[in-house]
Amino acid sequence: MNQNTVFSKQVGIKYPIICGAMYPCSNPELVAAASEAGGIGIIQPLSMVFAHKHDFRKGMQFIKSLTKKPVGLNIITEKSSKLYEDRMKLWLDIALEEGVRFFVTSLGNPKWVVDKANAVGGIVYHDVTERKWAEKALESGVHGVICVNNRAGGHAGELSLESLYKDLESLNIPIICAGGVSDKKTYDEALSLGYAGVQMGTRFIATKECNAHQDYKNAILKATSQDIVLTEKISGVPVSVIKTEYIEKIGTKANPITKYLLKHKKMKHWMRLYYTLQAVWKLKRASLEGSGYKDYWQAGKSVDGCNSILTTKEVIDGMVS
């Protein structure tokens, strides 16, 4: 399998493997380990400063002390909060000053990120779940897209890995597969189909460098794809989680009023902000405190390929060998 894809050339890495930005699981040690092993780790800013208590610049410098290889930064471009938007812009400026040149954007219009990245020769990829969002991202000048399919963790898409690729193939841009990849078999399948690389999250949670609670890691090892369900209770829109007794007890559907407000022209941004703040707190506690706290454990259907806790290097080596 050819590891030297257009994506790996763009970003300057050995293997076209992204350790995706995960709140709250993207601790600096995991980000650095993914890059050091030949892929590229993506910094999730809230995970850095809120979940793991690092000053943003010092956290970046800590990562640079662990690896000299490229790392990336996740920028959420959705405009639900002016305060959060301003903070994101500050984090982007700091990342650029610290030498980051690869950015993964999600939600909203990524043009302001593209403009700043282009000025220094940076690369921007945008998360999409279907062709219309990819087309909008291309209008903003992104260099590639990360296709989030229906096997992904977090906010999963609705289309399969194969269908999503076929829908976007004619755009003639680098396309990254996000969802369902956790071992050599699924990695090879994605590249054989035509993807320029893969983004993984769930498989990297079950690694030694990730500092998620052992209960969370054990739940990933124990689960199968049949145990992954979509819940609207975290963010108001479907999020992939492991089905636990707690999830079964509270149900997975948002109430009708919440759904209405999330679609309301004037109220939707406030509701998204409310749910974002709620999710930040709930997911942090669930990840770091284990099964003693409400079991919101995000994971994708790639749990099928997660059978043991390995080092990040062992995960990547096993996929590319």
C-alpha atoms as a PDB file:
ATOM      1  CA  MET A   1       0.000   0.000   0.000  1.00  0.00           C
ATOM      2  CA  ASN A   2       1.397   3.385  -1.036  1.00  0.00           C
ATOM      3  CA  GLN A   3       1.758   5.593   2.047  1.00  0.00           C
ATOM      4  CA  ASN A   4       3.028   8.564   0.029  1.00  0.00           C
ATOM      5  CA  THR A   5      -0.284  10.211  -0.844  1.00  0.00           C
ATOM      6  CA  VAL A   6      -1.062  13.769  -1.867  1.00  0.00           C
ATOM      7  CA  PHE A   7      -2.086  14.440   1.740  1.00  0.00           C
ATOM      8  CA  SER A   8       1.083  13.093   3.349  1.00  0.00           C
ATOM      9  CA  LYS A   9       3.120  15.160   0.858  1.00  0.00           C
ATOM     10  CA  GLN A  10       1.124  18.314   1.605  1.00  0.00           C
ATOM     11  CA  VAL A  11       1.560  18.015   5.351  1.00  0.00           C
ATOM     12  CA  GLY A  12       5.068  16.560   5.357  1.00  0.00           C
ATOM     13  CA  ILE A  13       4.429  13.316   7.217  1.00  0.00           C
ATOM     14  CA  LYS A  14       5.458   9.703   6.654  1.00  0.00           C
ATOM     15  CA  TYR A  15       2.049   8.051   6.869  1.00  0.00           C
ATOM     16  CA  PRO A  16      -1.343   9.555   5.887  1.00  0.00           C
ATOM     17  CA  ILE A  17      -2.839   8.968   9.341  1.00  0.00           C
ATOM     18  CA  ILE A  18      -4.459  11.680  11.455  1.00  0.00           C
ATOM     19  CA  CYS A  19      -5.006  11.308  15.183  1.00  0.00           C
ATOM     20  CA  GLY A  20      -8.213  13.325  15.184  1.00  0.00           C
ATOM     21  CA  ALA A  21      -8.963  16.149  17.599  1.00  0.00           C
ATOM     22  CA  MET A  22     -11.007  14.732  20.468  1.00  0.00           C
ATOM     23  CA  TYR A  23     -12.520  16.588  23.364  1.00  0.00           C
ATOM     24  CA  PRO A  24     -11.509  15.739  26.043  1.00  0.00           C
ATOM     25  CA  CYS A  25      -9.156  12.938  24.988  1.00  0.00           C
ATOM     26  CA  SER A  26      -6.535  14.883  23.013  1.00  0.00           C
ATOM     27  CA  ASN A  27      -3.958  15.291  25.757  1.00  0.00           C
ATOM     28  CA  PRO A  28      -0.584  16.678  24.600  1.00  0.00           C
ATOM     29  CA  GLU A  29       1.245  13.372  25.073  1.00  0.00           C
ATOM     30  CA  LEU A  30      -1.146  11.608  22.680  1.00  0.00           C
ATOM     31  CA  VAL A  31      -0.923  14.362  20.065  1.00  0.00           C
ATOM     32  CA  ALA A  32       2.876  14.255  20.158  1.00  0.00           C
ATOM     33  CA  ALA A  33       3.018  10.448  20.080  1.00  0.00           C
ATOM     34  CA  ALA A  34       0.905  10.277  16.903  1.00  0.00           C
ATOM     35  CA  SER A  35       3.187  12.725  15.115  1.00  0.00           C
ATOM     36  CA  GLU A  36       6.357  11.084  16.396  1.00  0.00           C
ATOM     37  CA  ALA A  37       5.111   7.721  15.068  1.00  0.00           C
ATOM     38  CA  GLY A  38       4.817   9.098  11.542  1.00  0.00           C
ATOM     39  CA  GLY A  39       1.216  10.304  11.410  1.00  0.00           C
ATOM     40  CA  ILE A  40      -0.003  13.687  12.607  1.00  0.00           C
ATOM     41  CA  GLY A  41      -1.646  14.528  15.902  1.00  0.00           C
ATOM     42  CA  ILE A  42      -4.258  17.281  16.033  1.00  0.00           C
ATOM     43  CA  ILE A  43      -4.470  19.651  19.000  1.00  0.00           C
ATOM     44  CA  GLN A  44      -7.967  20.279  20.325  1.00  0.00           C
ATOM     45  CA  PRO A  45      -7.743  23.669  22.092  1.00  0.00           C
ATOM     46  CA  LEU A  46     -10.444  23.146  24.723  1.00  0.00           C
ATOM     47  CA  SER A  47      -8.982  19.772  25.553  1.00  0.00           C
ATOM     48  CA  MET A  48      -5.597  21.430  26.015  1.00  0.00           C
ATOM     49  CA  VAL A  49      -6.665  24.316  28.244  1.00  0.00           C
ATOM     50  CA  PHE A  50      -9.798  23.097  30.030  1.00  0.00           C
ATOM     51  CA  ALA A  51      -9.538  19.326  30.294  1.00  0.00           C
ATOM     52  CA  HIS A  52      -5.753  19.104  30.735  1.00  0.00           C
ATOM     53  CA  LYS A  53      -5.051  22.495  32.352  1.00  0.00           C
ATOM     54  CA  HIS A  54      -2.270  23.748  30.064  1.00  0.00           C
ATOM     55  CA  ASP A  55      -1.748  27.343  29.082  1.00  0.00           C
ATOM     56  CA  PHE A  56      -2.264  27.118  25.317  1.00  0.00           C
ATOM     57  CA  ARG A  57       1.166  28.364  24.247  1.00  0.00           C
ATOM     58  CA  LYS A  58       2.981  26.413  26.953  1.00  0.00           C
ATOM     59  CA  GLY A  59       1.011  23.314  26.028  1.00  0.00           C
ATOM     60  CA  MET A  60       2.105  23.684  22.428  1.00  0.00           C
ATOM     61  CA  GLN A  61       5.693  24.136  23.505  1.00  0.00           C
ATOM     62  CA  PHE A  62       5.390  20.998  25.640  1.00  0.00           C
ATOM     63  CA  ILE A  63       4.255  19.063  22.559  1.00  0.00           C
ATOM     64  CA  LYS A  64       7.212  20.465  20.613  1.00  0.00           C
ATOM     65  CA  SER A  65       9.524  19.186  23.362  1.00  0.00           C
ATOM     66  CA  LEU A  66       8.150  15.665  22.743  1.00  0.00           C
ATOM     67  CA  THR A  67       8.327  15.686  18.940  1.00  0.00           C
ATOM     68  CA  LYS A  68       9.919  17.811  16.250  1.00  0.00           C
ATOM     69  CA  LYS A  69       7.513  16.475  13.645  1.00  0.00           C
ATOM     70  CA  PRO A  70       4.432  18.326  12.330  1.00  0.00           C
ATOM     71  CA  VAL A  71       1.310  18.652  14.459  1.00  0.00           C
ATOM     72  CA  GLY A  72      -2.029  20.177  13.531  1.00  0.00           C
ATOM     73  CA  LEU A  73      -4.708  22.301  15.181  1.00  0.00           C
ATOM     74  CA  ASN A  74      -8.481  21.940  15.201  1.00  0.00           C
ATOM     75  CA  ILE A  75     -10.389  25.206  14.778  1.00  0.00           C
ATOM     76  CA  ILE A  76     -14.164  25.301  15.301  1.00  0.00           C
ATOM     77  CA  THR A  77     -15.460  28.093  13.081  1.00  0.00           C
ATOM     78  CA  GLU A  78     -19.123  28.067  14.146  1.00  0.00           C
ATOM     79  CA  LYS A  79     -20.257  31.518  15.347  1.00  0.00           C
ATOM     80  CA  SER A  80     -22.445  30.656  18.351  1.00  0.00           C
ATOM     81  CA  SER A  81     -20.312  32.715  20.761  1.00  0.00           C
ATOM     82  CA  LYS A  82     -18.311  35.894  20.047  1.00  0.00           C
ATOM     83  CA  LEU A  83     -16.125  35.169  23.082  1.00  0.00           C
ATOM     84  CA  TYR A  84     -15.330  31.670  21.853  1.00  0.00           C
ATOM     85  CA  GLU A  85     -14.745  32.910  18.306  1.00  0.00           C
ATOM     86  CA  ASP A  86     -12.263  35.495  19.571  1.00  0.00           C
ATOM     87  CA  ARG A  87     -10.497  32.841  21.650  1.00  0.00           C
ATOM     88  CA  MET A  88     -10.241  30.577  18.614  1.00  0.00           C
ATOM     89  CA  LYS A  89      -8.670  33.406  16.614  1.00  0.00           C
ATOM     90  CA  LEU A  90      -6.144  33.966  19.386  1.00  0.00           C
ATOM     91  CA  TRP A  91      -5.294  30.257  19.507  1.00  0.00           C
ATOM     92  CA  LEU A  92      -4.829  30.216  15.743  1.00  0.00           C
ATOM     93  CA  ASP A  93      -2.403  33.147  15.924  1.00  0.00           C
ATOM     94  CA  ILE A  94      -0.417  31.442  18.676  1.00  0.00           C
ATOM     95  CA  ALA A  95      -0.320  28.173  16.744  1.00  0.00           C
ATOM     96  CA  LEU A  96       0.998  29.962  13.667  1.00  0.00           C
ATOM     97  CA  GLU A  97       3.674  31.645  15.768  1.00  0.00           C
ATOM     98  CA  GLU A  98       4.648  28.235  17.167  1.00  0.00           C
ATOM     99  CA  GLY A  99       5.069  26.787  13.686  1.00  0.00           C
ATOM    100  CA  VAL A 100       1.819  24.869  13.108  1.00  0.00           C
ATOM    101  CA  ARG A 101       0.989  24.655   9.415  1.00  0.00           C
ATOM    102  CA  PHE A 102      -1.863  22.132   9.238  1.00  0.00           C
ATOM    103  CA  PHE A 103      -5.377  22.992  10.358  1.00  0.00           C
ATOM    104  CA  VAL A 104      -8.604  21.022  10.568  1.00  0.00           C
ATOM    105  CA  THR A 105     -11.698  23.217  10.623  1.00  0.00           C
ATOM    106  CA  SER A 106     -15.201  22.170  11.547  1.00  0.00           C
ATOM    107  CA  LEU A 107     -18.619  23.830  11.448  1.00  0.00           C
ATOM    108  CA  GLY A 108     -19.132  27.285  10.006  1.00  0.00           C
ATOM    109  CA  ASN A 109     -17.162  29.095   7.315  1.00  0.00           C
ATOM    110  CA  PRO A 110     -13.401  28.323   7.399  1.00  0.00           C
ATOM    111  CA  LYS A 111     -12.351  31.223   5.130  1.00  0.00           C
ATOM    112  CA  TRP A 112     -10.714  33.297   7.877  1.00  0.00           C
ATOM    113  CA  VAL A 113      -8.584  30.288   8.824  1.00  0.00           C
ATOM    114  CA  VAL A 114      -7.697  29.630   5.181  1.00  0.00           C
ATOM    115  CA  ASP A 115      -6.650  33.242   4.671  1.00  0.00           C
ATOM    116  CA  LYS A 116      -4.260  33.193   7.640  1.00  0.00           C
ATOM    117  CA  ALA A 117      -2.892  29.743   6.755  1.00  0.00           C
ATOM    118  CA  ASN A 118      -2.314  30.656   3.108  1.00  0.00           C
ATOM    119  CA  ALA A 119      -0.246  33.656   4.142  1.00  0.00           C
ATOM    120  CA  VAL A 120       2.392  31.313   5.605  1.00  0.00           C
ATOM    121  CA  GLY A 121       2.014  28.320   3.287  1.00  0.00           C
ATOM    122  CA  GLY A 122      -0.324  26.420   5.586  1.00  0.00           C
ATOM    123  CA  ILE A 123      -2.828  23.702   4.704  1.00  0.00           C
ATOM    124  CA  VAL A 124      -6.504  23.622   5.773  1.00  0.00           C
ATOM    125  CA  TYR A 125      -8.859  20.633   5.646  1.00  0.00           C
ATOM    126  CA  HIS A 126     -12.536  20.959   6.581  1.00  0.00           C
ATOM    127  CA  ASP A 127     -14.812  18.357   8.210  1.00  0.00           C
ATOM    128  CA  VAL A 128     -17.797  17.466   6.006  1.00  0.00           C
ATOM    129  CA  THR A 129     -20.572  14.888   6.081  1.00  0.00           C
ATOM    130  CA  GLU A 130     -21.907  15.340   2.533  1.00  0.00           C
ATOM    131  CA  ARG A 131     -21.096  16.916  -0.813  1.00  0.00           C
ATOM    132  CA  LYS A 132     -22.899  20.244  -0.310  1.00  0.00           C
ATOM    133  CA  TRP A 133     -20.709  21.066   2.700  1.00  0.00           C
ATOM    134  CA  ALA A 134     -17.603  20.074   0.772  1.00  0.00           C
ATOM    135  CA  GLU A 135     -18.571  22.434  -2.041  1.00  0.00           C
ATOM    136  CA  LYS A 136     -19.102  25.292   0.418  1.00  0.00           C
ATOM    137  CA  ALA A 137     -15.724  24.592   2.010  1.00  0.00           C
ATOM    138  CA  LEU A 138     -14.053  24.630  -1.399  1.00  0.00           C
ATOM    139  CA  GLU A 139     -15.585  28.051  -2.070  1.00  0.00           C
ATOM    140  CA  SER A 140     -13.711  29.192   1.046  1.00  0.00           C
ATOM    141  CA  GLY A 141     -10.435  27.885  -0.375  1.00  0.00           C
ATOM    142  CA  VAL A 142      -9.742  24.765   1.722  1.00  0.00           C
ATOM    143  CA  HIS A 143      -7.085  22.393   0.412  1.00  0.00           C
ATOM    144  CA  GLY A 144      -8.937  19.161   1.183  1.00  0.00           C
ATOM    145  CA  VAL A 145     -11.805  17.676   3.179  1.00  0.00           C
ATOM    146  CA  ILE A 146     -12.210  15.162   5.973  1.00  0.00           C
ATOM    147  CA  CYS A 147     -15.239  12.996   5.227  1.00  0.00           C
ATOM    148  CA  VAL A 148     -17.035  12.017   8.416  1.00  0.00           C
ATOM    149  CA  ASN A 149     -19.058   8.882   7.695  1.00  0.00           C
ATOM    150  CA  ASN A 150     -21.714   6.929   9.580  1.00  0.00           C
ATOM    151  CA  ARG A 151     -19.179   4.823  11.495  1.00  0.00           C
ATOM    152  CA  ALA A 152     -17.434   7.782  13.101  1.00  0.00           C
ATOM    153  CA  GLY A 153     -17.432   8.701  16.761  1.00  0.00           C
ATOM    154  CA  GLY A 154     -18.624  12.095  17.959  1.00  0.00           C
ATOM    155  CA  HIS A 155     -20.922  13.839  15.469  1.00  0.00           C
ATOM    156  CA  ALA A 156     -21.135  11.089  12.867  1.00  0.00           C
ATOM    157  CA  GLY A 157     -22.388  11.544   9.320  1.00  0.00           C
ATOM    158  CA  GLU A 158     -25.206   9.638   7.648  1.00  0.00           C
ATOM    159  CA  LEU A 159     -23.425   8.159   4.627  1.00  0.00           C
ATOM    160  CA  SER A 160     -21.212   5.089   4.464  1.00  0.00           C
ATOM    161  CA  LEU A 161     -17.477   5.234   3.851  1.00  0.00           C
ATOM    162  CA  GLU A 162     -17.980   4.069   0.273  1.00  0.00           C
ATOM    163  CA  SER A 163     -20.968   6.308  -0.550  1.00  0.00           C
ATOM    164  CA  LEU A 164     -19.301   9.420   0.794  1.00  0.00           C
ATOM    165  CA  TYR A 165     -16.199   8.844  -1.299  1.00  0.00           C
ATOM    166  CA  LYS A 166     -18.231   8.281  -4.462  1.00  0.00           C
ATOM    167  CA  ASP A 167     -20.201  11.481  -3.832  1.00  0.00           C
ATOM    168  CA  LEU A 168     -17.060  13.594  -3.446  1.00  0.00           C
ATOM    169  CA  GLU A 169     -14.642  11.862  -5.818  1.00  0.00           C
ATOM    170  CA  SER A 170     -15.454  14.141  -8.771  1.00  0.00           C
ATOM    171  CA  LEU A 171     -14.413  17.243  -6.800  1.00  0.00           C
ATOM    172  CA  ASN A 172     -10.798  16.222  -7.490  1.00  0.00           C
ATOM    173  CA  ILE A 173      -9.439  17.217  -4.089  1.00  0.00           C
ATOM    174  CA  PRO A 174      -7.680  15.179  -1.394  1.00  0.00           C
ATOM    175  CA  ILE A 175     -10.282  13.327   0.667  1.00  0.00           C
ATOM    176  CA  ILE A 176      -9.642  11.887   4.128  1.00  0.00           C
ATOM    177  CA  CYS A 177     -11.715   9.027   5.537  1.00  0.00           C
ATOM    178  CA  ALA A 178     -13.008   9.606   9.081  1.00  0.00           C
ATOM    179  CA  GLY A 179     -14.913   6.768  10.690  1.00  0.00           C
ATOM    180  CA  GLY A 180     -14.624   3.011  10.858  1.00  0.00           C
ATOM    181  CA  VAL A 181     -10.826   2.755  10.622  1.00  0.00           C
ATOM    182  CA  SER A 182      -8.927   1.130  13.475  1.00  0.00           C
ATOM    183  CA  ASP A 183      -6.683  -1.594  12.032  1.00  0.00           C
ATOM    184  CA  LYS A 184      -4.663  -2.573   8.976  1.00  0.00           C
ATOM    185  CA  LYS A 185      -7.631  -4.124   7.163  1.00  0.00           C
ATOM    186  CA  THR A 186      -9.857  -1.052   7.369  1.00  0.00           C
ATOM    187  CA  TYR A 187      -6.920   1.286   6.700  1.00  0.00           C
ATOM    188  CA  ASP A 188      -5.963  -0.582   3.518  1.00  0.00           C
ATOM    189  CA  GLU A 189      -9.597  -0.624   2.391  1.00  0.00           C
ATOM    190  CA  ALA A 190      -9.875   3.161   2.726  1.00  0.00           C
ATOM    191  CA  LEU A 191      -6.677   3.851   0.770  1.00  0.00           C
ATOM    192  CA  SER A 192      -7.571   1.260  -1.876  1.00  0.00           C
ATOM    193  CA  LEU A 193     -10.888   2.997  -2.436  1.00  0.00           C
ATOM    194  CA  GLY A 194      -9.052   6.235  -3.192  1.00  0.00           C
ATOM    195  CA  TYR A 195      -8.911   8.142   0.066  1.00  0.00           C
ATOM    196  CA  ALA A 196      -5.733  10.177   0.521  1.00  0.00           C
ATOM    197  CA  GLY A 197      -5.557   9.254   4.204  1.00  0.00           C
ATOM    198  CA  VAL A 198      -7.537   8.380   7.298  1.00  0.00           C
ATOM    199  CA  GLN A 199      -8.508  10.117  10.506  1.00  0.00           C
ATOM    200  CA  MET A 200      -8.891   7.979  13.608  1.00  0.00           C
ATOM    201  CA  GLY A 201     -10.121   8.800  17.081  1.00  0.00           C
ATOM    202  CA  THR A 202     -11.538   5.804  18.927  1.00  0.00           C
ATOM    203  CA  ARG A 203      -8.485   3.584  18.316  1.00  0.00           C
ATOM    204  CA  PHE A 204      -6.201   6.269  19.783  1.00  0.00           C
ATOM    205  CA  ILE A 205      -8.273   6.582  22.958  1.00  0.00           C
ATOM    206  CA  ALA A 206      -7.365   2.967  23.718  1.00  0.00           C
ATOM    207  CA  THR A 207      -3.628   3.717  23.795  1.00  0.00           C
ATOM    208  CA  LYS A 208      -1.120   4.087  26.591  1.00  0.00           C
ATOM    209  CA  GLU A 209      -0.446   7.756  25.816  1.00  0.00           C
ATOM    210  CA  CYS A 210      -4.092   8.788  26.052  1.00  0.00           C
ATOM    211  CA  ASN A 211      -4.932   9.730  29.642  1.00  0.00           C
ATOM    212  CA  ALA A 212      -8.630   8.899  29.464  1.00  0.00           C
ATOM    213  CA  HIS A 213      -9.795   6.853  32.446  1.00  0.00           C
ATOM    214  CA  GLN A 214      -9.112   3.118  32.312  1.00  0.00           C
ATOM    215  CA  ASP A 215     -12.865   2.460  32.552  1.00  0.00           C
ATOM    216  CA  TYR A 216     -13.335   4.369  29.293  1.00  0.00           C
ATOM    217  CA  LYS A 217     -10.576   2.409  27.554  1.00  0.00           C
ATOM    218  CA  ASN A 218     -11.970  -0.898  28.844  1.00  0.00           C
ATOM    219  CA  ALA A 219     -15.422   0.036  27.554  1.00  0.00           C
ATOM    220  CA  ILE A 220     -13.939   0.563  24.069  1.00  0.00           C
ATOM    221  CA  LEU A 221     -12.193  -2.827  24.176  1.00  0.00           C
ATOM    222  CA  LYS A 222     -15.378  -4.545  25.334  1.00  0.00           C
ATOM    223  CA  ALA A 223     -17.763  -2.851  22.891  1.00  0.00           C
ATOM    224  CA  THR A 224     -18.702  -3.948  19.391  1.00  0.00           C
ATOM    225  CA  SER A 225     -20.189  -1.793  16.657  1.00  0.00           C
ATOM    226  CA  GLN A 226     -23.611  -2.988  17.802  1.00  0.00           C
ATOM    227  CA  ASP A 227     -23.045  -1.175  21.103  1.00  0.00           C
ATOM    228  CA  ILE A 228     -22.577   2.233  19.441  1.00  0.00           C
ATOM    229  CA  VAL A 229     -25.725   4.369  19.552  1.00  0.00           C
ATOM    230  CA  LEU A 230     -26.594   7.942  18.664  1.00  0.00           C
ATOM    231  CA  THR A 231     -27.686  10.206  21.499  1.00  0.00           C
ATOM    232  CA  GLU A 232     -29.093  13.738  21.270  1.00  0.00           C
ATOM    233  CA  LYS A 233     -28.717  14.280  25.021  1.00  0.00           C
ATOM    234  CA  ILE A 234     -25.177  15.702  24.862  1.00  0.00           C
ATOM    235  CA  SER A 235     -25.307  18.373  22.192  1.00  0.00           C
ATOM    236  CA  GLY A 236     -28.861  18.372  20.898  1.00  0.00           C
ATOM    237  CA  VAL A 237     -27.805  16.614  17.681  1.00  0.00           C
ATOM    238  CA  PRO A 238     -26.842  12.939  17.307  1.00  0.00           C
ATOM    239  CA  VAL A 239     -23.499  11.951  18.861  1.00  0.00           C
ATOM    240  CA  SER A 240     -22.040   8.432  18.749  1.00  0.00           C
ATOM    241  CA  VAL A 241     -21.500   6.914  22.201  1.00  0.00           C
ATOM    242  CA  ILE A 242     -21.111   3.514  23.784  1.00  0.00           C
ATOM    243  CA  LYS A 243     -24.427   2.191  25.047  1.00  0.00           C
ATOM    244  CA  THR A 244     -24.220   1.889  28.832  1.00  0.00           C
ATOM    245  CA  GLU A 245     -26.794   1.375  31.572  1.00  0.00           C
ATOM    246  CA  TYR A 246     -26.862   5.128  32.074  1.00  0.00           C
ATOM    247  CA  ILE A 247     -27.514   5.820  28.365  1.00  0.00           C
ATOM    248  CA  GLU A 248     -30.319   3.249  28.334  1.00  0.00           C
ATOM    249  CA  LYS A 249     -31.825   4.768  31.473  1.00  0.00           C
ATOM    250  CA  ILE A 250     -32.015   8.373  30.233  1.00  0.00           C
ATOM    251  CA  GLY A 251     -32.825   7.590  26.594  1.00  0.00           C
ATOM    252  CA  THR A 252     -31.223   9.058  23.499  1.00  0.00           C
ATOM    253  CA  LYS A 253     -33.742  11.589  22.172  1.00  0.00           C
ATOM    254  CA  ALA A 254     -33.805  15.341  22.809  1.00  0.00           C
ATOM    255  CA  ASN A 255     -37.207  16.672  23.820  1.00  0.00           C
ATOM    256  CA  PRO A 256     -39.427  18.400  21.192  1.00  0.00           C
ATOM    257  CA  ILE A 257     -38.857  21.888  22.637  1.00  0.00           C
ATOM    258  CA  THR A 258     -35.079  21.479  22.396  1.00  0.00           C
ATOM    259  CA  LYS A 259     -35.347  20.299  18.795  1.00  0.00           C
ATOM    260  CA  TYR A 260     -37.524  23.281  17.921  1.00  0.00           C
ATOM    261  CA  LEU A 261     -35.157  25.794  19.501  1.00  0.00           C
ATOM    262  CA  LEU A 262     -32.139  24.241  17.764  1.00  0.00           C
ATOM    263  CA  LYS A 263     -33.798  24.983  14.424  1.00  0.00           C
ATOM    264  CA  HIS A 264     -35.154  28.421  15.368  1.00  0.00           C
ATOM    265  CA  LYS A 265     -33.555  31.223  13.350  1.00  0.00           C
ATOM    266  CA  LYS A 266     -32.839  33.438  16.358  1.00  0.00           C
ATOM    267  CA  MET A 267     -32.510  30.892  19.151  1.00  0.00           C
ATOM    268  CA  LYS A 268     -30.389  28.191  17.533  1.00  0.00           C
ATOM    269  CA  HIS A 269     -27.039  29.857  18.287  1.00  0.00           C
ATOM    270  CA  TRP A 270     -27.931  30.288  21.964  1.00  0.00           C
ATOM    271  CA  MET A 271     -29.078  26.678  22.198  1.00  0.00           C
ATOM    272  CA  ARG A 272     -25.868  25.456  20.562  1.00  0.00           C
ATOM    273  CA  LEU A 273     -23.853  27.514  23.022  1.00  0.00           C
ATOM    274  CA  TYR A 274     -25.833  26.066  25.942  1.00  0.00           C
ATOM    275  CA  TYR A 275     -25.334  22.527  24.717  1.00  0.00           C
ATOM    276  CA  THR A 276     -21.649  23.147  23.990  1.00  0.00           C
ATOM    277  CA  LEU A 277     -21.027  24.325  27.558  1.00  0.00           C
ATOM    278  CA  GLN A 278     -23.007  21.399  28.941  1.00  0.00           C
ATOM    279  CA  ALA A 279     -21.124  18.907  26.765  1.00  0.00           C
ATOM    280  CA  VAL A 280     -17.729  20.370  27.712  1.00  0.00           C
ATOM    281  CA  TRP A 281     -18.454  19.676  31.381  1.00  0.00           C
ATOM    282  CA  LYS A 282     -20.156  16.287  31.005  1.00  0.00           C
ATOM    283  CA  LEU A 283     -17.612  14.774  28.612  1.00  0.00           C
ATOM    284  CA  LYS A 284     -14.659  15.961  30.650  1.00  0.00           C
ATOM    285  CA  ARG A 285     -15.942  14.323  33.829  1.00  0.00           C
ATOM    286  CA  ALA A 286     -17.001  11.115  32.095  1.00  0.00           C
ATOM    287  CA  SER A 287     -13.622  10.735  30.375  1.00  0.00           C
ATOM    288  CA  LEU A 288     -11.407  11.492  33.356  1.00  0.00           C
ATOM    289  CA  GLU A 289     -13.472  10.125  36.241  1.00  0.00           C
ATOM    290  CA  GLY A 290     -14.576   6.819  34.762  1.00  0.00           C
ATOM    291  CA  SER A 291     -17.718   4.819  35.402  1.00  0.00           C
ATOM    292  CA  GLY A 292     -18.438   6.530  38.712  1.00  0.00           C
ATOM    293  CA  TYR A 293     -19.811   9.464  36.721  1.00  0.00           C
ATOM    294  CA  LYS A 294     -22.535   9.466  34.068  1.00  0.00           C
ATOM    295  CA  ASP A 295     -21.146   7.257  31.330  1.00  0.00           C
ATOM    296  CA  TYR A 296     -20.985   9.532  28.267  1.00  0.00           C
ATOM    297  CA  TRP A 297     -18.231   7.681  26.440  1.00  0.00           C
ATOM    298  CA  GLN A 298     -17.879   8.816  22.846  1.00  0.00           C
ATOM    299  CA  ALA A 299     -16.744   6.153  20.395  1.00  0.00           C
ATOM    300  CA  GLY A 300     -17.290   5.111  16.802  1.00  0.00           C
ATOM    301  CA  LYS A 301     -18.059   1.761  15.244  1.00  0.00           C
ATOM    302  CA  SER A 302     -14.347   1.222  14.736  1.00  0.00           C
ATOM    303  CA  VAL A 303     -14.436  -0.322  18.239  1.00  0.00           C
ATOM    304  CA  ASP A 304     -14.611  -3.608  16.328  1.00  0.00           C
ATOM    305  CA  GLY A 305     -10.879  -3.254  15.624  1.00  0.00           C
ATOM    306  CA  CYS A 306      -9.888  -2.202  19.164  1.00  0.00           C
ATOM    307  CA  ASN A 307      -8.863  -5.342  20.996  1.00  0.00           C
ATOM    308  CA  SER A 308      -5.997  -4.255  23.240  1.00  0.00           C
ATOM    309  CA  ILE A 309      -4.374  -1.177  24.698  1.00  0.00           C
ATOM    310  CA  LEU A 310      -1.253  -0.432  22.673  1.00  0.00           C
ATOM    311  CA  THR A 311       1.200   2.408  22.361  1.00  0.00           C
ATOM    312  CA  THR A 312       0.346   4.920  19.662  1.00  0.00           C
ATOM    313  CA  LYS A 313       3.414   3.793  17.722  1.00  0.00           C
ATOM    314  CA  GLU A 314       2.250   0.184  17.869  1.00  0.00           C
ATOM    315  CA  VAL A 315      -1.151   1.201  16.492  1.00  0.00           C
ATOM    316  CA  ILE A 316       0.358   3.073  13.545  1.00  0.00           C
ATOM    317  CA  ASP A 317       3.077   0.507  12.855  1.00  0.00           C
ATOM    318  CA  GLY A 318       0.456  -2.238  12.818  1.00  0.00           C
ATOM    319  CA  MET A 319      -1.564  -0.398  10.203  1.00  0.00           C
ATOM    320  CA  VAL A 320       1.259   0.409   7.798  1.00  0.00           C
ATOM    321  CA  SER A 321       3.381  -2.735   8.139  1.00  0.00           C
END
